Every structure is written in C-alpha cells, then in structure tokens.
Protein backbone atom coordinates (compact mmCIF):
# COMPACT_ATOMS: atom_id res chain seq x y z
CA UNK A 1 -78.81 -146.54 -102.46
CA UNK A 2 -78.95 -150.22 -101.71
CA UNK A 3 -76.55 -152.63 -100.11
CA UNK A 4 -74.42 -154.70 -102.75
CA UNK A 5 -74.43 -158.01 -100.22
CA UNK A 6 -78.00 -158.18 -98.96
CA UNK A 7 -79.78 -155.25 -100.41
CA UNK A 8 -81.14 -153.08 -97.81
CA UNK A 9 -80.27 -149.48 -97.37
CA UNK A 10 -77.16 -148.51 -96.89
CA UNK A 11 -76.40 -146.48 -93.68
CA UNK A 12 -72.84 -143.33 -94.16
CA UNK A 13 -70.94 -145.26 -91.79
CA UNK A 14 -70.33 -148.30 -94.01
CA UNK A 15 -71.61 -147.20 -97.78
CA UNK A 16 -71.83 -148.81 -99.47
CA UNK A 17 -72.68 -151.31 -97.47
CA UNK A 18 -75.88 -151.61 -94.87
CA UNK A 19 -73.52 -152.92 -91.99
CA UNK A 20 -69.91 -154.15 -90.93
CA UNK A 21 -71.35 -157.63 -91.57
CA UNK A 22 -71.75 -157.26 -94.75
CA UNK A 23 -68.89 -154.99 -95.46
CA UNK A 24 -66.56 -157.97 -93.77
CA UNK A 25 -68.56 -160.43 -96.37
CA UNK A 26 -67.08 -158.06 -99.38
CA UNK A 27 -63.71 -157.88 -97.79
CA UNK A 28 -63.41 -161.87 -97.39
CA UNK A 29 -64.73 -162.00 -101.04
CA UNK A 30 -61.85 -159.95 -102.15
CA UNK A 31 -59.48 -161.74 -99.35
CA UNK A 32 -60.72 -165.22 -100.63
CA UNK A 33 -60.42 -164.34 -104.15
CA UNK A 34 -63.98 -164.95 -104.92
CA UNK A 35 -63.61 -161.18 -106.61
CA UNK A 36 -61.77 -161.26 -109.33
CA UNK A 37 -60.49 -157.96 -111.59
CA UNK A 38 -59.53 -159.48 -114.81
CA UNK A 39 -56.89 -158.34 -117.69
CA UNK A 40 -59.67 -155.69 -118.65
CA UNK A 41 -60.61 -154.11 -115.58
CA UNK A 42 -63.67 -156.35 -115.18
CA UNK A 43 -65.05 -157.78 -111.65
CA UNK A 44 -65.89 -161.29 -112.53
CA UNK A 45 -67.58 -162.73 -109.27
CA UNK A 46 -66.78 -166.43 -108.27
CA UNK A 47 -69.30 -168.23 -105.99
CA UNK A 48 -67.34 -169.01 -102.84
CA UNK A 49 -69.06 -171.71 -101.05
CA UNK A 50 -67.88 -170.36 -97.59
CA UNK A 51 -70.03 -167.75 -97.75
CA UNK A 52 -73.14 -169.42 -96.85
CA UNK A 53 -71.03 -169.89 -93.21
CA UNK A 54 -71.40 -165.83 -92.95
CA UNK A 55 -73.31 -164.56 -90.49
CA UNK A 56 -74.63 -161.21 -91.22
CA UNK A 57 -75.56 -158.57 -87.74
CA UNK A 58 -78.86 -158.21 -87.84
CA UNK A 59 -78.38 -154.21 -87.48
C-alpha cells in the first residue's frame, strides 16, 4: 500500500502512512480544514499553502 501523502511504501507502525512525518501532515490537513467532509459524506481536499513548509522525516 502506498502512503497517501508521498506515495512511498507504507509501514505497519504508521499504516497507511510511511512515517510519522506523513502521518503528521495528514493530521495537520484535518486540523486546519484542508480536508473536509461534505453533507454527502465525501472528503474534499482544499490546497493548504502551509503544507509546503512541512518537512517530512526522511526515514
């Protein structure tokens, strides 16, 4: 399974992510409203300019 953030192979410890860094990016997107669930239950992704400043761990 590929990491939904960077497309690297996921690892069991952080599944579906490849690292804590990618897990944190996903959490950041939820907490800042970059991801939202509409009234139909579908997830939308709004581009967050702050994502560019997040440094992923190079594990």
